[in-house]
Protein backbone atom coordinates (compact mmCIF):
# COMPACT_ATOMS: atom_id res chain seq x y z
CA MET A 1 102.03 -52.30 -36.21
CA SER A 2 103.97 -55.53 -34.35
CA ARG A 3 101.54 -57.82 -33.68
CA ASN A 4 102.31 -57.29 -29.53
CA ILE A 5 101.82 -53.75 -29.90
CA ARG A 6 98.27 -54.38 -32.08
CA ALA A 7 97.03 -56.95 -29.27
CA ILE A 8 98.20 -54.53 -25.92
CA LEU A 9 95.80 -51.43 -28.11
CA LEU A 10 92.89 -53.96 -29.28
CA MET A 11 93.34 -55.46 -25.07
CA THR A 12 93.31 -51.50 -24.74
CA LEU A 13 89.96 -51.28 -26.88
CA SER A 14 88.24 -54.03 -25.19
CA VAL A 15 88.51 -53.42 -21.63
CA GLY A 16 87.55 -49.83 -22.38
CA MET A 17 84.24 -51.00 -23.79
CA LEU A 18 84.35 -53.50 -20.77
CA ALA A 19 83.85 -50.79 -18.71
CA ALA A 20 81.32 -48.31 -21.22
CA LEU A 21 79.23 -52.14 -20.83
CA ASP A 22 79.26 -51.83 -16.60
CA GLY A 23 78.38 -48.26 -16.30
CA ILE A 24 75.40 -49.56 -18.76
CA VAL A 25 73.97 -51.42 -16.85
CA LYS A 26 74.47 -48.59 -13.48
CA ILE A 27 72.53 -46.58 -16.51
CA VAL A 28 69.50 -48.97 -16.66
CA ASN A 29 69.56 -49.46 -13.45
CA ASN A 30 68.64 -45.77 -12.59
CA LEU A 31 66.01 -46.29 -15.06
CA GLY A 32 64.39 -48.60 -12.92
CA MET A 33 65.64 -51.93 -13.90
CA HIS A 34 66.73 -54.89 -11.63
CA PRO A 35 70.28 -56.45 -12.10
CA PHE A 36 68.91 -59.85 -11.87
CA GLU A 37 67.26 -58.34 -15.36
CA ILE A 38 69.09 -56.61 -16.39
CA ALA A 39 71.94 -59.66 -16.33
CA PHE A 40 69.07 -61.11 -18.37
CA PHE A 41 68.71 -59.46 -21.04
CA ARG A 42 72.48 -59.17 -21.03
CA ASN A 43 72.63 -62.58 -22.45
CA VAL A 44 69.66 -62.88 -24.22
CA PHE A 45 71.08 -60.15 -26.51
CA GLY A 46 74.43 -61.46 -26.44
CA LEU A 47 73.43 -65.20 -27.91
CA ILE A 48 71.28 -62.92 -30.50
CA ALA A 49 74.18 -61.20 -31.13
CA LEU A 50 76.02 -65.47 -31.13
CA ILE A 51 73.28 -67.25 -33.37
CA PRO A 52 75.80 -66.74 -36.59
CA PHE A 53 78.36 -68.39 -35.17
CA PHE A 54 76.44 -70.68 -34.02
CA MET A 55 74.11 -71.60 -37.39
CA ARG A 56 77.95 -71.37 -38.98
CA ILE A 57 79.42 -74.38 -36.83
CA GLY A 58 76.44 -76.35 -36.19
CA PHE A 59 74.73 -78.59 -34.18
CA ASN A 60 77.36 -81.35 -33.88
CA GLU A 61 79.46 -78.64 -32.19
CA LEU A 62 76.74 -79.70 -29.28
CA LYS A 63 77.61 -83.16 -28.57
CA THR A 64 79.25 -83.93 -25.43
CA ARG A 65 79.96 -86.32 -22.86
CA ARG A 66 80.41 -83.94 -19.81
CA LEU A 67 77.08 -81.75 -19.69
CA LYS A 68 77.31 -81.86 -16.55
CA MET A 69 80.32 -79.83 -16.43
CA HIS A 70 78.71 -77.11 -18.76
CA LEU A 71 75.79 -76.96 -16.86
CA GLY A 72 77.59 -76.81 -13.49
CA ARG A 73 79.85 -74.15 -15.62
CA GLY A 74 77.59 -71.87 -16.78
CA CYS A 75 75.20 -71.54 -13.46
CA ILE A 76 78.79 -70.80 -11.83
CA HIS A 77 79.32 -68.03 -14.48
CA SER A 78 75.23 -67.26 -13.90
CA ALA A 79 76.22 -66.13 -10.36
CA SER A 80 79.15 -64.33 -11.66
CA MET A 81 77.41 -62.24 -13.78
CA ILE A 82 74.80 -61.74 -10.95
CA THR A 83 77.01 -60.45 -8.59
CA TRP A 84 78.49 -58.57 -10.60
CA PHE A 85 76.04 -56.56 -11.63
CA TRP A 86 74.49 -55.95 -8.84
CA ALA A 87 77.57 -54.82 -7.33
CA LEU A 88 77.67 -52.09 -9.60
CA THR A 89 74.18 -50.77 -8.50
CA VAL A 90 75.04 -49.98 -5.40
CA ILE A 91 79.48 -49.20 -5.34
CA PRO A 92 81.14 -47.45 -7.36
CA LEU A 93 82.66 -48.85 -10.93
CA ALA A 94 86.10 -48.26 -10.01
CA ASP A 95 86.21 -49.78 -6.45
CA ALA A 96 84.29 -52.71 -7.93
CA THR A 97 87.15 -53.26 -10.85
CA ALA A 98 89.94 -52.50 -9.03
CA LEU A 99 88.63 -55.25 -6.18
CA SER A 100 87.64 -57.59 -9.34
CA PHE A 101 91.71 -58.05 -10.35
CA MET A 102 91.02 -60.79 -7.55
CA VAL A 103 90.27 -62.92 -10.30
CA PRO A 104 93.46 -64.50 -11.15
CA VAL A 105 94.95 -64.96 -7.30
CA PHE A 106 91.75 -67.22 -6.19
CA ALA A 107 92.18 -68.83 -9.50
CA SER A 108 95.61 -69.34 -8.07
CA ILE A 109 94.26 -70.92 -5.22
CA GLY A 110 91.70 -73.51 -7.00
CA ALA A 111 94.70 -74.11 -9.52
CA ILE A 112 97.12 -75.50 -6.21
CA PHE A 113 94.61 -77.17 -4.17
CA ILE A 114 91.30 -78.46 -6.75
CA MET A 115 93.74 -78.88 -9.60
CA ARG A 116 97.00 -80.07 -8.15
CA GLU A 117 98.97 -77.58 -10.27
CA PRO A 118 102.99 -77.05 -8.37
CA SER A 119 102.51 -74.95 -6.24
CA GLN A 120 105.83 -73.11 -6.84
CA MET A 121 107.10 -70.46 -4.26
CA THR A 122 106.85 -67.41 -6.86
CA ARG A 123 102.64 -68.50 -7.24
CA TRP A 124 103.30 -68.54 -3.92
CA ILE A 125 104.75 -64.66 -3.35
CA SER A 126 101.88 -63.08 -5.80
CA ILE A 127 99.21 -64.72 -4.27
CA VAL A 128 100.32 -62.93 -1.22
CA ILE A 129 101.07 -59.84 -2.31
CA GLY A 130 97.04 -59.93 -4.24
CA PHE A 131 96.09 -60.84 -0.31
CA ILE A 132 97.94 -57.51 0.35
CA GLY A 133 96.36 -55.04 -1.67
CA MET A 134 92.95 -56.86 -1.17
CA ILE A 135 93.19 -55.79 2.23
CA VAL A 136 94.38 -52.75 1.15
CA ILE A 137 91.52 -51.88 -0.57
CA LEU A 138 88.89 -53.05 2.41
CA ARG A 139 90.82 -52.02 5.16
CA PRO A 140 88.80 -54.45 7.74
CA GLY A 141 88.83 -52.91 11.54
CA PHE A 142 89.44 -48.87 9.70
CA ALA A 143 86.40 -49.24 6.97
CA ASP A 144 82.92 -50.81 7.15
CA ILE A 145 82.77 -53.49 4.69
CA SER A 146 79.86 -52.69 2.43
CA PHE A 147 76.99 -55.60 1.49
CA GLY A 148 78.14 -54.80 -2.89
CA THR A 149 82.23 -55.09 -1.48
CA TRP A 150 80.91 -58.24 -0.46
CA LEU A 151 79.43 -58.67 -3.45
CA VAL A 152 82.51 -58.07 -5.65
CA LEU A 153 84.21 -60.95 -3.29
CA GLY A 154 81.64 -63.57 -4.05
CA GLY A 155 81.56 -63.11 -8.07
CA THR A 156 85.10 -63.17 -8.18
CA ILE A 157 85.60 -66.37 -6.15
CA PHE A 158 83.21 -67.54 -8.93
CA VAL A 159 83.97 -66.16 -11.91
CA ALA A 160 87.79 -67.68 -10.39
CA THR A 161 85.95 -71.32 -10.19
CA SER A 162 84.22 -70.71 -14.03
CA LYS A 163 87.96 -70.88 -15.77
CA LEU A 164 89.15 -73.36 -12.67
CA MET A 165 86.34 -74.98 -14.76
CA THR A 166 86.76 -73.90 -18.92
CA LYS A 167 90.65 -75.50 -18.30
CA SER A 168 88.95 -78.88 -17.23
CA LEU A 169 86.64 -78.53 -19.82
CA SER A 170 89.65 -77.44 -22.72
CA ARG A 171 90.79 -80.45 -22.18
CA THR A 172 88.69 -82.12 -23.85
CA GLU A 173 85.70 -79.53 -25.47
CA SER A 174 85.83 -77.25 -28.83
CA PRO A 175 85.94 -73.61 -27.22
CA SER A 176 82.71 -73.52 -29.84
CA THR A 177 80.99 -76.28 -27.58
CA ILE A 178 82.52 -73.84 -24.70
CA VAL A 179 80.88 -70.93 -25.39
CA ALA A 180 77.66 -72.75 -26.73
CA TYR A 181 76.14 -74.25 -23.69
CA MET A 182 78.25 -71.06 -21.31
CA SER A 183 75.37 -69.08 -23.26
CA PHE A 184 72.25 -71.12 -23.57
CA THR A 185 72.78 -71.61 -19.59
CA LEU A 186 73.15 -67.95 -19.01
CA THR A 187 70.06 -67.57 -20.50
CA ILE A 188 68.13 -69.24 -18.81
CA VAL A 189 69.32 -69.44 -14.81
CA SER A 190 69.25 -65.18 -15.38
CA PHE A 191 65.42 -65.51 -16.69
CA ALA A 192 64.47 -67.82 -13.73
CA PHE A 193 66.19 -64.84 -11.21
CA ALA A 194 64.10 -62.25 -12.78
CA VAL A 195 61.40 -63.61 -13.03
CA PHE A 196 61.03 -62.91 -9.51
CA VAL A 197 61.34 -59.06 -10.15
CA TRP A 198 60.19 -58.74 -13.88
CA THR A 199 59.12 -56.01 -15.18
CA TRP A 200 58.73 -55.30 -19.23
CA PRO A 201 61.77 -52.67 -20.87
CA THR A 202 60.79 -49.07 -21.84
CA LEU A 203 61.77 -47.93 -25.82
CA GLU A 204 64.80 -47.04 -23.96
CA MET A 205 65.96 -49.52 -21.46
CA TRP A 206 66.06 -52.06 -24.54
CA LEU A 207 68.11 -49.67 -27.07
CA TRP A 208 70.63 -49.60 -24.00
CA PHE A 209 70.27 -53.41 -23.86
CA ILE A 210 70.86 -54.13 -27.26
CA ALA A 211 74.00 -52.01 -27.57
CA LEU A 212 74.79 -54.00 -23.84
CA GLY A 213 74.80 -57.44 -25.49
CA GLY A 214 76.40 -56.49 -28.75
CA MET A 215 79.23 -54.68 -27.47
CA GLY A 216 79.87 -57.35 -24.63
CA SER A 217 80.16 -60.49 -27.71
CA VAL A 218 82.35 -57.53 -29.99
CA ALA A 219 84.31 -57.08 -26.92
CA HIS A 220 84.73 -60.82 -26.48
CA VAL A 221 85.77 -61.44 -30.22
CA ILE A 222 88.37 -58.32 -29.46
CA GLN A 223 89.89 -59.61 -26.75
CA ALA A 224 90.15 -63.08 -28.53
CA GLN A 225 91.87 -61.53 -31.10
CA ALA A 226 93.89 -59.80 -28.80
CA TYR A 227 95.72 -62.84 -26.84
CA LYS A 228 95.83 -64.77 -30.19
CA ASP A 229 98.24 -61.86 -31.84
CA GLY A 230 100.16 -60.97 -28.84
CA ASP A 231 102.41 -62.80 -25.97
CA VAL A 232 100.13 -63.11 -22.67
CA THR A 233 102.98 -61.90 -20.25
CA LEU A 234 102.47 -58.23 -22.71
CA VAL A 235 98.97 -58.50 -23.49
CA GLU A 236 97.11 -59.71 -19.65
CA PRO A 237 98.53 -56.46 -18.19
CA ALA A 238 96.82 -54.09 -20.72
CA THR A 239 94.04 -55.48 -18.94
CA PHE A 240 94.99 -53.28 -15.88
CA LEU A 241 93.89 -50.65 -17.92
CA ARG A 242 90.03 -51.37 -17.72
CA LEU A 243 90.66 -49.95 -14.02
CA VAL A 244 91.73 -46.47 -15.52
CA TRP A 245 88.06 -47.03 -18.37
CA ALA A 246 86.25 -47.98 -15.20
CA ALA A 247 87.32 -44.87 -12.69
CA LEU A 248 86.85 -42.22 -16.33
CA VAL A 249 83.11 -43.38 -16.86
CA GLY A 250 82.45 -43.94 -13.53
CA PHE A 251 83.63 -39.83 -12.32
CA VAL A 252 82.05 -38.60 -16.20
CA VAL A 253 78.80 -40.57 -15.72
CA PHE A 254 78.04 -40.66 -12.43
CA GLY A 255 80.26 -38.05 -10.90
CA GLU A 256 82.13 -40.91 -8.90
CA VAL A 257 85.62 -40.29 -7.30
CA PRO A 258 86.89 -43.64 -6.02
CA GLN A 259 88.55 -44.19 -2.84
CA ILE A 260 92.71 -44.08 -3.00
CA TRP A 261 92.76 -46.84 -1.45
CA SER A 262 91.16 -48.56 -4.56
CA TRP A 263 93.95 -47.08 -6.22
CA ILE A 264 96.79 -48.30 -4.42
CA GLY A 265 95.10 -52.22 -3.46
CA GLY A 266 94.41 -52.40 -6.74
CA GLY A 267 97.80 -51.46 -7.49
CA ILE A 268 99.38 -53.77 -5.69
CA ILE A 269 97.26 -56.43 -6.35
CA MET A 270 98.22 -55.94 -10.18
CA VAL A 271 102.19 -56.93 -9.56
CA GLY A 272 101.00 -60.27 -7.70
CA VAL A 273 99.18 -60.64 -10.80
CA LEU A 274 101.95 -59.87 -12.89
CA MET A 275 104.79 -62.06 -10.94
CA LEU A 276 102.22 -64.73 -11.68
CA ILE A 277 102.34 -64.08 -15.31
CA ARG A 278 105.69 -64.22 -15.65
CA SER A 279 105.91 -67.39 -13.08
CA GLU A 280 103.43 -68.94 -15.36
CA ALA A 281 105.01 -68.07 -18.62
CA LYS A 282 108.30 -69.19 -17.63
CA SER A 283 106.83 -72.50 -16.19
CA ARG A 284 104.97 -73.45 -19.74
CA VAL A 285 108.41 -72.07 -21.73
CA ALA A 286 110.70 -74.91 -19.18
CA ALA A 287 107.99 -77.59 -20.43
CA ASN A 288 108.11 -76.69 -24.05
CA THR A 289 112.00 -77.39 -23.97
CA ASP A 290 111.70 -80.22 -21.42
């Protein structure tokens, strides 16, 4: 098996696990747990799963001169997680997933206006295509935009901002340092929200939370390995299979039938994002050649 094929299979497995985790969020919410508290326990068990990693790298990795940036990114990422979990409890999994594909589009806009990256024509075309896909999903004027939809859109902007901050931090900080501060900040911030809706989990909920934290950490490790093994232009498109997984989980477990507009709009957004990926890859190759 070639490295690229293995990487694509790993990414497919990873996004399938993430879609299953979204399903667990809905299950625990149906059992009576508020999304704020679900986010907190997701972070707690995710942090516990990372303890061996932190013990191996040692506390020297926590030394940083950019503490405010780490904490700011952690707060923004916490907002993205909380809004995403909340959205999953009020709209179908596939509809939320289709809109979440806007993250690279928003990140590209931020890269142009905030990080002053080159604004190539291909990048702008991909951004426009992404927004066309979003409009197809939302259909403003033809359908009411629900509260859950606004949550997803807000969450995608938070995620895009977090990605840009990660890119900035990666210039001076190690991946271990970034992961460490994000994990601690996520747990603290989500706890601050969970306090206001606190109820003690039942035994069944504890089991789901263990699965949520453990599977989440494993899924991200698998995803990181996929990016390490394969070419980004081949691996990244496999992330769109999350829409298929989400539709399958939503239909089988919750009886959800996604709107046809989510599939059409999600497909249009995919085209825009794929153009963006190819453009970025060509730019990197040209830069390395120079």
